[in-house]
Amino acid sequence: MKLRIGYELDYHFPQPTPLILMLNVHFSRVSDLQSPDYIRLSPSVPVSGYRDGFGNWCTRLVAPQGAMRITADAIIQDSGKPEAYDRGAGQVPVEHLPEEAIVFLLASRFCDSDRLLDLAWELFGTTPPGAPRVQAICDFVNRRIAFNYNDASVTRSASEAYREGRGVCRDYAHLAIAFCRAMNIPARYCTCYLGDVGTPPPWPPGDFAASFEAYLDGGWQMFDPRNNVPRIGRVLIARGRDAADVAIATTFGPNTLTGFRVWTDEVSEA
């Protein structure tokens, strides 16, 4: 299956403003690209790039005063199969975890697992360790949080999402990650493209999607507490401790987002 992926972000800047963008497909999926996902800027300005501490590709630029459009449009190959994880995967004892997984056990800005430690053990302490425990966490989070785009907040933590019982996909991911870490399961936040292939209409407007990966026997496995069912066509963009590490655009000055479109559409093989 082929997917057309891309975005169109419109900003207005009252003054020249530095930006860091994290919008390119993750290096683990670059070989699947049938056409490149070049970032196009209007007006055109010089850019530079670097890899952050998690291996994500970041683009730096200074936006001029006035309007700017940031866009990309690419084709990527996908298996077309619903994603799956090893439902029998066991939990790896902390003393046997690889060093690179340790950071994803620690509390972070939005995944304040230290504040949810007692609650997590109360809720999930009797569940079978490993993949069944992670799935139990996803089931609970899916029921606990009511999804509504109007409830989006860039400052809401996992513990606040638990108390408020509302939010968007990043809140589902943050709460599930925090519970996993409280249960000694490394978990990392993922930003992805995720369309509606295989789901019945009506479909909501396109958007980027948050999910997470848990480290279990056999390595990292993807989970999605927001949808909580296997999905087709998830395309990874970036990974980090929480949403603060993988913001699609970090701006260092005042700005207004005046337009936002994201697409993840199946391309007819014909």
C-alpha atoms as a PDB file:
ATOM      1  CA  MET A   1       0.000   0.000   0.000  1.00  0.00           C
ATOM      2  CA  LYS A   2       1.137   3.549  -0.701  1.00  0.00           C
ATOM      3  CA  LEU A   3       0.248   6.562   1.411  1.00  0.00           C
ATOM      4  CA  ARG A   4       0.381  10.216   0.526  1.00  0.00           C
ATOM      5  CA  ILE A   5       1.572  12.050   3.629  1.00  0.00           C
ATOM      6  CA  GLY A   6       2.122  15.733   4.236  1.00  0.00           C
ATOM      7  CA  TYR A   7       1.145  18.922   5.979  1.00  0.00           C
ATOM      8  CA  GLU A   8       0.583  22.638   5.430  1.00  0.00           C
ATOM      9  CA  LEU A   9       1.289  24.982   8.342  1.00  0.00           C
ATOM     10  CA  ASP A  10       0.631  28.709   8.031  1.00  0.00           C
ATOM     11  CA  TYR A  11       2.147  31.155  10.515  1.00  0.00           C
ATOM     12  CA  HIS A  12       2.293  34.887  11.008  1.00  0.00           C
ATOM     13  CA  PHE A  13       5.366  36.305  12.737  1.00  0.00           C
ATOM     14  CA  PRO A  14       5.368  39.911  14.001  1.00  0.00           C
ATOM     15  CA  GLN A  15       9.197  39.889  13.953  1.00  0.00           C
ATOM     16  CA  PRO A  16      12.022  37.643  12.678  1.00  0.00           C
ATOM     17  CA  THR A  17      11.728  34.470  14.762  1.00  0.00           C
ATOM     18  CA  PRO A  18      13.985  31.391  15.152  1.00  0.00           C
ATOM     19  CA  LEU A  19      12.251  28.019  14.712  1.00  0.00           C
ATOM     20  CA  ILE A  20      13.118  24.368  15.195  1.00  0.00           C
ATOM     21  CA  LEU A  21      10.976  21.979  13.149  1.00  0.00           C
ATOM     22  CA  MET A  22      10.619  18.235  13.742  1.00  0.00           C
ATOM     23  CA  LEU A  23       8.551  17.218  10.744  1.00  0.00           C
ATOM     24  CA  ASN A  24      10.578  14.735   8.693  1.00  0.00           C
ATOM     25  CA  VAL A  25       9.738  11.034   8.636  1.00  0.00           C
ATOM     26  CA  HIS A  26      11.828   9.128  11.204  1.00  0.00           C
ATOM     27  CA  PHE A  27      15.061   7.604   9.898  1.00  0.00           C
ATOM     28  CA  SER A  28      13.666   4.126  10.589  1.00  0.00           C
ATOM     29  CA  ARG A  29      11.067   4.704   7.829  1.00  0.00           C
ATOM     30  CA  VAL A  30      13.108   6.753   5.345  1.00  0.00           C
ATOM     31  CA  SER A  31      13.808   3.701   3.161  1.00  0.00           C
ATOM     32  CA  ASP A  32      10.018   3.385   2.651  1.00  0.00           C
ATOM     33  CA  LEU A  33       9.703   6.845   1.110  1.00  0.00           C
ATOM     34  CA  GLN A  34       8.836   6.704  -2.605  1.00  0.00           C
ATOM     35  CA  SER A  35       9.273  10.464  -2.918  1.00  0.00           C
ATOM     36  CA  PRO A  36      11.195  12.674  -0.457  1.00  0.00           C
ATOM     37  CA  ASP A  37       9.458  14.591   2.316  1.00  0.00           C
ATOM     38  CA  TYR A  38      11.374  17.823   1.720  1.00  0.00           C
ATOM     39  CA  ILE A  39      10.273  20.751   3.886  1.00  0.00           C
ATOM     40  CA  ARG A  40       9.250  23.619   1.617  1.00  0.00           C
ATOM     41  CA  LEU A  41       9.154  27.188   2.913  1.00  0.00           C
ATOM     42  CA  SER A  42       7.385  30.198   1.471  1.00  0.00           C
ATOM     43  CA  PRO A  43       9.106  32.599   1.518  1.00  0.00           C
ATOM     44  CA  SER A  44      12.283  30.607   1.123  1.00  0.00           C
ATOM     45  CA  VAL A  45      14.945  31.084   3.817  1.00  0.00           C
ATOM     46  CA  PRO A  46      18.229  29.280   4.661  1.00  0.00           C
ATOM     47  CA  VAL A  47      17.892  26.149   6.817  1.00  0.00           C
ATOM     48  CA  SER A  48      20.247  23.828   8.658  1.00  0.00           C
ATOM     49  CA  GLY A  49      19.712  20.445  10.259  1.00  0.00           C
ATOM     50  CA  TYR A  50      20.916  18.263  13.105  1.00  0.00           C
ATOM     51  CA  ARG A  51      20.000  15.110  15.019  1.00  0.00           C
ATOM     52  CA  ASP A  52      18.852  15.534  18.602  1.00  0.00           C
ATOM     53  CA  GLY A  53      19.759  13.225  21.481  1.00  0.00           C
ATOM     54  CA  PHE A  54      16.995  10.775  20.510  1.00  0.00           C
ATOM     55  CA  GLY A  55      18.029  10.520  16.857  1.00  0.00           C
ATOM     56  CA  ASN A  56      15.224  12.722  15.511  1.00  0.00           C
ATOM     57  CA  TRP A  57      15.989  14.978  12.546  1.00  0.00           C
ATOM     58  CA  CYS A  58      15.563  18.683  13.385  1.00  0.00           C
ATOM     59  CA  THR A  59      15.494  21.646  11.001  1.00  0.00           C
ATOM     60  CA  ARG A  60      16.566  25.144  12.077  1.00  0.00           C
ATOM     61  CA  LEU A  61      15.583  28.408  10.416  1.00  0.00           C
ATOM     62  CA  VAL A  62      14.730  32.015  11.126  1.00  0.00           C
ATOM     63  CA  ALA A  63      11.270  32.967   9.897  1.00  0.00           C
ATOM     64  CA  PRO A  64      11.055  36.518   8.516  1.00  0.00           C
ATOM     65  CA  GLN A  65       8.476  39.021   9.694  1.00  0.00           C
ATOM     66  CA  GLY A  66       5.067  38.375   8.158  1.00  0.00           C
ATOM     67  CA  ALA A  67       3.378  35.287   6.776  1.00  0.00           C
ATOM     68  CA  MET A  68       5.168  31.966   6.240  1.00  0.00           C
ATOM     69  CA  ARG A  69       3.926  28.635   4.916  1.00  0.00           C
ATOM     70  CA  ILE A  70       5.689  25.375   5.881  1.00  0.00           C
ATOM     71  CA  THR A  71       4.658  22.370   3.823  1.00  0.00           C
ATOM     72  CA  ALA A  72       5.645  18.926   2.568  1.00  0.00           C
ATOM     73  CA  ASP A  73       4.032  16.272   0.387  1.00  0.00           C
ATOM     74  CA  ALA A  74       5.460  12.759  -0.035  1.00  0.00           C
ATOM     75  CA  ILE A  75       4.604   9.176  -0.902  1.00  0.00           C
ATOM     76  CA  ILE A  76       5.537   6.331   1.449  1.00  0.00           C
ATOM     77  CA  GLN A  77       5.228   2.572   1.101  1.00  0.00           C
ATOM     78  CA  ASP A  78       3.424   0.733   3.908  1.00  0.00           C
ATOM     79  CA  SER A  79       2.588  -2.912   4.541  1.00  0.00           C
ATOM     80  CA  GLY A  80      -1.137  -2.134   4.553  1.00  0.00           C
ATOM     81  CA  LYS A  81      -1.551  -4.545   7.450  1.00  0.00           C
ATOM     82  CA  PRO A  82      -2.929  -3.698  10.890  1.00  0.00           C
ATOM     83  CA  GLU A  83      -0.088  -3.121  13.328  1.00  0.00           C
ATOM     84  CA  ALA A  84       0.505  -5.843  15.884  1.00  0.00           C
ATOM     85  CA  TYR A  85       2.539  -6.455  18.999  1.00  0.00           C
ATOM     86  CA  ASP A  86       3.637  -9.603  20.781  1.00  0.00           C
ATOM     87  CA  ARG A  87       0.814 -10.120  23.258  1.00  0.00           C
ATOM     88  CA  GLY A  88       2.907 -12.662  25.131  1.00  0.00           C
ATOM     89  CA  ALA A  89       5.984 -10.468  25.542  1.00  0.00           C
ATOM     90  CA  GLY A  90       7.278 -10.480  29.085  1.00  0.00           C
ATOM     91  CA  GLN A  91       8.532  -7.603  31.205  1.00  0.00           C
ATOM     92  CA  VAL A  92      12.282  -7.038  31.357  1.00  0.00           C
ATOM     93  CA  PRO A  93      13.643  -6.639  34.901  1.00  0.00           C
ATOM     94  CA  VAL A  94      15.174  -3.218  35.475  1.00  0.00           C
ATOM     95  CA  GLU A  95      18.615  -4.700  36.131  1.00  0.00           C
ATOM     96  CA  HIS A  96      18.565  -6.321  32.664  1.00  0.00           C
ATOM     97  CA  LEU A  97      17.386  -3.289  30.678  1.00  0.00           C
ATOM     98  CA  PRO A  98      19.767  -1.830  28.071  1.00  0.00           C
ATOM     99  CA  GLU A  99      21.273   1.472  29.172  1.00  0.00           C
ATOM    100  CA  GLU A 100      19.499   3.419  26.399  1.00  0.00           C
ATOM    101  CA  ALA A 101      16.116   2.375  27.839  1.00  0.00           C
ATOM    102  CA  ILE A 102      16.786   3.674  31.360  1.00  0.00           C
ATOM    103  CA  VAL A 103      15.969   7.314  30.550  1.00  0.00           C
ATOM    104  CA  PHE A 104      12.457   6.182  29.550  1.00  0.00           C
ATOM    105  CA  LEU A 105      11.867   4.882  33.074  1.00  0.00           C
ATOM    106  CA  LEU A 106      12.274   8.330  34.613  1.00  0.00           C
ATOM    107  CA  ALA A 107       9.601  10.928  35.283  1.00  0.00           C
ATOM    108  CA  SER A 108       9.584  13.800  32.784  1.00  0.00           C
ATOM    109  CA  ARG A 109       7.830  17.137  32.425  1.00  0.00           C
ATOM    110  CA  PHE A 110       4.513  15.778  31.146  1.00  0.00           C
ATOM    111  CA  CYS A 111       4.845  12.144  32.258  1.00  0.00           C
ATOM    112  CA  ASP A 112       5.023  12.748  36.009  1.00  0.00           C
ATOM    113  CA  SER A 113       5.101   9.083  36.951  1.00  0.00           C
ATOM    114  CA  ASP A 114       6.399   9.911  40.431  1.00  0.00           C
ATOM    115  CA  ARG A 115       3.011  11.467  41.233  1.00  0.00           C
ATOM    116  CA  LEU A 116       1.152   8.404  39.972  1.00  0.00           C
ATOM    117  CA  LEU A 117       3.320   5.709  41.553  1.00  0.00           C
ATOM    118  CA  ASP A 118       0.942   4.549  44.293  1.00  0.00           C
ATOM    119  CA  LEU A 119      -2.102   4.790  42.025  1.00  0.00           C
ATOM    120  CA  ALA A 120      -0.392   2.765  39.299  1.00  0.00           C
ATOM    121  CA  TRP A 121       0.442  -0.104  41.646  1.00  0.00           C
ATOM    122  CA  GLU A 122      -3.066   0.018  43.086  1.00  0.00           C
ATOM    123  CA  LEU A 123      -4.622  -0.206  39.618  1.00  0.00           C
ATOM    124  CA  PHE A 124      -2.215  -2.542  37.820  1.00  0.00           C
ATOM    125  CA  GLY A 125      -0.183  -4.339  40.478  1.00  0.00           C
ATOM    126  CA  THR A 126      -2.126  -7.589  40.060  1.00  0.00           C
ATOM    127  CA  THR A 127      -2.086  -7.612  36.240  1.00  0.00           C
ATOM    128  CA  PRO A 128       0.289 -10.054  34.485  1.00  0.00           C
ATOM    129  CA  PRO A 129       3.611  -8.291  33.844  1.00  0.00           C
ATOM    130  CA  GLY A 130       4.716  -7.494  30.314  1.00  0.00           C
ATOM    131  CA  ALA A 131       2.442  -6.893  27.324  1.00  0.00           C
ATOM    132  CA  PRO A 132      -0.783  -7.789  29.205  1.00  0.00           C
ATOM    133  CA  ARG A 133       0.032  -5.122  31.808  1.00  0.00           C
ATOM    134  CA  VAL A 134       0.714  -2.486  29.143  1.00  0.00           C
ATOM    135  CA  GLN A 135      -2.560  -3.378  27.427  1.00  0.00           C
ATOM    136  CA  ALA A 136      -4.407  -3.139  30.746  1.00  0.00           C
ATOM    137  CA  ILE A 137      -2.961   0.350  31.146  1.00  0.00           C
ATOM    138  CA  CYS A 138      -4.101   1.294  27.629  1.00  0.00           C
ATOM    139  CA  ASP A 139      -7.597  -0.059  28.298  1.00  0.00           C
ATOM    140  CA  PHE A 140      -7.847   1.972  31.499  1.00  0.00           C
ATOM    141  CA  VAL A 141      -6.564   5.188  29.902  1.00  0.00           C
ATOM    142  CA  ASN A 142      -8.905   4.761  26.946  1.00  0.00           C
ATOM    143  CA  ARG A 143     -11.852   4.627  29.346  1.00  0.00           C
ATOM    144  CA  ARG A 144     -10.579   7.312  31.709  1.00  0.00           C
ATOM    145  CA  ILE A 145     -10.041  10.150  29.225  1.00  0.00           C
ATOM    146  CA  ALA A 146     -12.824  11.637  27.103  1.00  0.00           C
ATOM    147  CA  PHE A 147     -11.471  12.852  23.754  1.00  0.00           C
ATOM    148  CA  ASN A 148     -12.293  16.362  22.567  1.00  0.00           C
ATOM    149  CA  TYR A 149     -10.178  18.664  20.400  1.00  0.00           C
ATOM    150  CA  ASN A 150     -11.512  21.624  22.392  1.00  0.00           C
ATOM    151  CA  ASP A 151      -9.867  20.181  25.526  1.00  0.00           C
ATOM    152  CA  ALA A 152      -6.333  20.369  24.112  1.00  0.00           C
ATOM    153  CA  SER A 153      -3.794  21.946  26.464  1.00  0.00           C
ATOM    154  CA  VAL A 154      -0.057  22.375  25.912  1.00  0.00           C
ATOM    155  CA  THR A 155       0.634  22.371  29.658  1.00  0.00           C
ATOM    156  CA  ARG A 156      -1.484  19.438  30.928  1.00  0.00           C
ATOM    157  CA  SER A 157       0.557  16.702  32.642  1.00  0.00           C
ATOM    158  CA  ALA A 158      -0.320  13.023  32.949  1.00  0.00           C
ATOM    159  CA  SER A 159      -1.501  13.392  36.532  1.00  0.00           C
ATOM    160  CA  GLU A 160      -3.691  16.347  35.524  1.00  0.00           C
ATOM    161  CA  ALA A 161      -5.120  14.340  32.621  1.00  0.00           C
ATOM    162  CA  TYR A 162      -6.012  11.596  35.092  1.00  0.00           C
ATOM    163  CA  ARG A 163      -7.753  14.044  37.434  1.00  0.00           C
ATOM    164  CA  GLU A 164      -9.553  15.968  34.687  1.00  0.00           C
ATOM    165  CA  GLY A 165     -10.522  12.914  32.621  1.00  0.00           C
ATOM    166  CA  ARG A 166     -10.350  14.802  29.338  1.00  0.00           C
ATOM    167  CA  GLY A 167      -7.896  15.674  26.605  1.00  0.00           C
ATOM    168  CA  VAL A 168      -6.506  14.744  23.203  1.00  0.00           C
ATOM    169  CA  CYS A 169      -4.210  11.989  21.944  1.00  0.00           C
ATOM    170  CA  ARG A 170      -1.104  13.429  23.633  1.00  0.00           C
ATOM    171  CA  ASP A 171      -2.887  13.207  27.006  1.00  0.00           C
ATOM    172  CA  TYR A 172      -3.750   9.554  26.425  1.00  0.00           C
ATOM    173  CA  ALA A 173      -0.106   8.847  25.561  1.00  0.00           C
ATOM    174  CA  HIS A 174       1.267  10.839  28.505  1.00  0.00           C
ATOM    175  CA  LEU A 175      -0.944   9.081  31.036  1.00  0.00           C
ATOM    176  CA  ALA A 176      -0.213   5.593  29.671  1.00  0.00           C
ATOM    177  CA  ILE A 177       3.531   6.330  29.576  1.00  0.00           C
ATOM    178  CA  ALA A 178       3.475   7.612  33.164  1.00  0.00           C
ATOM    179  CA  PHE A 179       1.661   4.496  34.365  1.00  0.00           C
ATOM    180  CA  CYS A 180       4.114   2.236  32.503  1.00  0.00           C
ATOM    181  CA  ARG A 181       7.117   3.994  34.004  1.00  0.00           C
ATOM    182  CA  ALA A 182       5.567   3.764  37.469  1.00  0.00           C
ATOM    183  CA  MET A 183       5.341   0.001  36.872  1.00  0.00           C
ATOM    184  CA  ASN A 184       9.038  -0.155  35.848  1.00  0.00           C
ATOM    185  CA  ILE A 185       8.281  -0.491  32.119  1.00  0.00           C
ATOM    186  CA  PRO A 186      10.303   1.898  29.904  1.00  0.00           C
ATOM    187  CA  ALA A 187       7.963   3.907  27.662  1.00  0.00           C
ATOM    188  CA  ARG A 188       8.663   6.612  25.091  1.00  0.00           C
ATOM    189  CA  TYR A 189       6.382   9.133  23.392  1.00  0.00           C
ATOM    190  CA  CYS A 190       5.900   8.972  19.600  1.00  0.00           C
ATOM    191  CA  THR A 191       4.607  11.545  17.121  1.00  0.00           C
ATOM    192  CA  CYS A 192       3.279   9.968  13.916  1.00  0.00           C
ATOM    193  CA  TYR A 193       1.185  10.355  10.824  1.00  0.00           C
ATOM    194  CA  LEU A 194      -1.956   8.234  11.212  1.00  0.00           C
ATOM    195  CA  GLY A 195      -4.762   8.328   8.689  1.00  0.00           C
ATOM    196  CA  ASP A 196      -8.114   6.569   8.640  1.00  0.00           C
ATOM    197  CA  VAL A 197      -7.311   3.625   6.366  1.00  0.00           C
ATOM    198  CA  GLY A 198      -9.502   0.688   7.367  1.00  0.00           C
ATOM    199  CA  THR A 199     -11.852   2.701   9.581  1.00  0.00           C
ATOM    200  CA  PRO A 200     -15.462   3.580   8.733  1.00  0.00           C
ATOM    201  CA  PRO A 201     -16.440   7.165   7.830  1.00  0.00           C
ATOM    202  CA  PRO A 202     -17.101   9.883   8.745  1.00  0.00           C
ATOM    203  CA  TRP A 203     -13.437  10.738   9.236  1.00  0.00           C
ATOM    204  CA  PRO A 204     -12.211  13.667  11.323  1.00  0.00           C
ATOM    205  CA  PRO A 205      -9.889  16.329   9.862  1.00  0.00           C
ATOM    206  CA  GLY A 206      -6.314  15.106   9.398  1.00  0.00           C
ATOM    207  CA  ASP A 207      -3.862  15.591  12.245  1.00  0.00           C
ATOM    208  CA  PHE A 208      -0.623  14.268  13.653  1.00  0.00           C
ATOM    209  CA  ALA A 209      -1.122  11.472  16.195  1.00  0.00           C
ATOM    210  CA  ALA A 210       0.489  10.626  19.530  1.00  0.00           C
ATOM    211  CA  SER A 211       1.172   7.062  20.631  1.00  0.00           C
ATOM    212  CA  PHE A 212       3.926   5.360  22.603  1.00  0.00           C
ATOM    213  CA  GLU A 213       6.372   2.474  22.574  1.00  0.00           C
ATOM    214  CA  ALA A 214       6.994   0.205  25.566  1.00  0.00           C
ATOM    215  CA  TYR A 215      10.182  -1.790  26.030  1.00  0.00           C
ATOM    216  CA  LEU A 216       9.358  -5.478  26.555  1.00  0.00           C
ATOM    217  CA  ASP A 217      11.009  -8.818  25.811  1.00  0.00           C
ATOM    218  CA  GLY A 218      12.017  -8.588  22.174  1.00  0.00           C
ATOM    219  CA  GLY A 219      12.411  -4.794  22.127  1.00  0.00           C
ATOM    220  CA  TRP A 220      10.206  -1.738  21.663  1.00  0.00           C
ATOM    221  CA  GLN A 221       6.544  -2.266  20.778  1.00  0.00           C
ATOM    222  CA  MET A 222       3.949   0.316  19.719  1.00  0.00           C
ATOM    223  CA  PHE A 223       0.752   0.987  21.690  1.00  0.00           C
ATOM    224  CA  ASP A 224      -2.038   3.504  21.052  1.00  0.00           C
ATOM    225  CA  PRO A 225      -4.288   4.163  24.082  1.00  0.00           C
ATOM    226  CA  ARG A 226      -6.315   6.785  22.197  1.00  0.00           C
ATOM    227  CA  ASN A 227      -7.618   4.403  19.515  1.00  0.00           C
ATOM    228  CA  ASN A 228      -6.777   1.186  21.393  1.00  0.00           C
ATOM    229  CA  VAL A 229      -7.248  -1.001  18.308  1.00  0.00           C
ATOM    230  CA  PRO A 230      -4.712  -2.088  15.654  1.00  0.00           C
ATOM    231  CA  ARG A 231      -4.422   0.606  12.981  1.00  0.00           C
ATOM    232  CA  ILE A 232      -3.098   0.640   9.420  1.00  0.00           C
ATOM    233  CA  GLY A 233      -0.543   3.106   8.100  1.00  0.00           C
ATOM    234  CA  ARG A 234       1.084   4.631  11.170  1.00  0.00           C
ATOM    235  CA  VAL A 235       4.238   6.509  10.066  1.00  0.00           C
ATOM    236  CA  LEU A 236       6.696   7.474  12.780  1.00  0.00           C
ATOM    237  CA  ILE A 237       8.097  11.014  12.836  1.00  0.00           C
ATOM    238  CA  ALA A 238       9.869  11.369  16.184  1.00  0.00           C
ATOM    239  CA  ARG A 239      10.399   9.777  19.603  1.00  0.00           C
ATOM    240  CA  GLY A 240      11.194  11.296  22.994  1.00  0.00           C
ATOM    241  CA  ARG A 241      10.437  11.304  26.707  1.00  0.00           C
ATOM    242  CA  ASP A 242       7.188  13.238  26.188  1.00  0.00           C
ATOM    243  CA  ALA A 243       5.619  15.810  23.881  1.00  0.00           C
ATOM    244  CA  ALA A 244       8.132  18.476  24.912  1.00  0.00           C
ATOM    245  CA  ASP A 245      10.894  16.492  23.171  1.00  0.00           C
ATOM    246  CA  VAL A 246       9.061  16.038  19.874  1.00  0.00           C
ATOM    247  CA  ALA A 247       7.148  19.266  19.229  1.00  0.00           C
ATOM    248  CA  ILE A 248       6.559  19.608  15.475  1.00  0.00           C
ATOM    249  CA  ALA A 249       7.499  23.303  15.732  1.00  0.00           C
ATOM    250  CA  THR A 250       9.324  25.080  18.536  1.00  0.00           C
ATOM    251  CA  THR A 251       9.213  28.859  18.096  1.00  0.00           C
ATOM    252  CA  PHE A 252      11.394  31.339  19.952  1.00  0.00           C
ATOM    253  CA  GLY A 253       9.187  34.407  19.730  1.00  0.00           C
ATOM    254  CA  PRO A 254       5.551  35.504  19.319  1.00  0.00           C
ATOM    255  CA  ASN A 255       3.589  33.994  16.445  1.00  0.00           C
ATOM    256  CA  THR A 256       0.107  33.029  15.314  1.00  0.00           C
ATOM    257  CA  LEU A 257      -0.759  29.720  13.672  1.00  0.00           C
ATOM    258  CA  THR A 258      -3.244  30.798  10.988  1.00  0.00           C
ATOM    259  CA  GLY A 259      -3.674  27.521   9.112  1.00  0.00           C
ATOM    260  CA  PHE A 260      -3.126  23.817   9.802  1.00  0.00           C
ATOM    261  CA  ARG A 261      -3.669  20.794   7.534  1.00  0.00           C
ATOM    262  CA  VAL A 262      -2.286  17.256   7.736  1.00  0.00           C
ATOM    263  CA  TRP A 263      -3.009  14.381   5.371  1.00  0.00           C
ATOM    264  CA  THR A 264      -2.355  10.626   5.422  1.00  0.00           C
ATOM    265  CA  ASP A 265      -4.279   9.240   2.455  1.00  0.00           C
ATOM    266  CA  GLU A 266      -4.168   5.916   0.684  1.00  0.00           C
ATOM    267  CA  VAL A 267      -2.942   6.210  -2.908  1.00  0.00           C
ATOM    268  CA  SER A 268      -4.674   4.095  -5.532  1.00  0.00           C
ATOM    269  CA  GLU A 269      -2.240   1.634  -7.092  1.00  0.00           C
ATOM    270  CA  ALA A 270      -4.002   2.235 -10.399  1.00  0.00           C
END
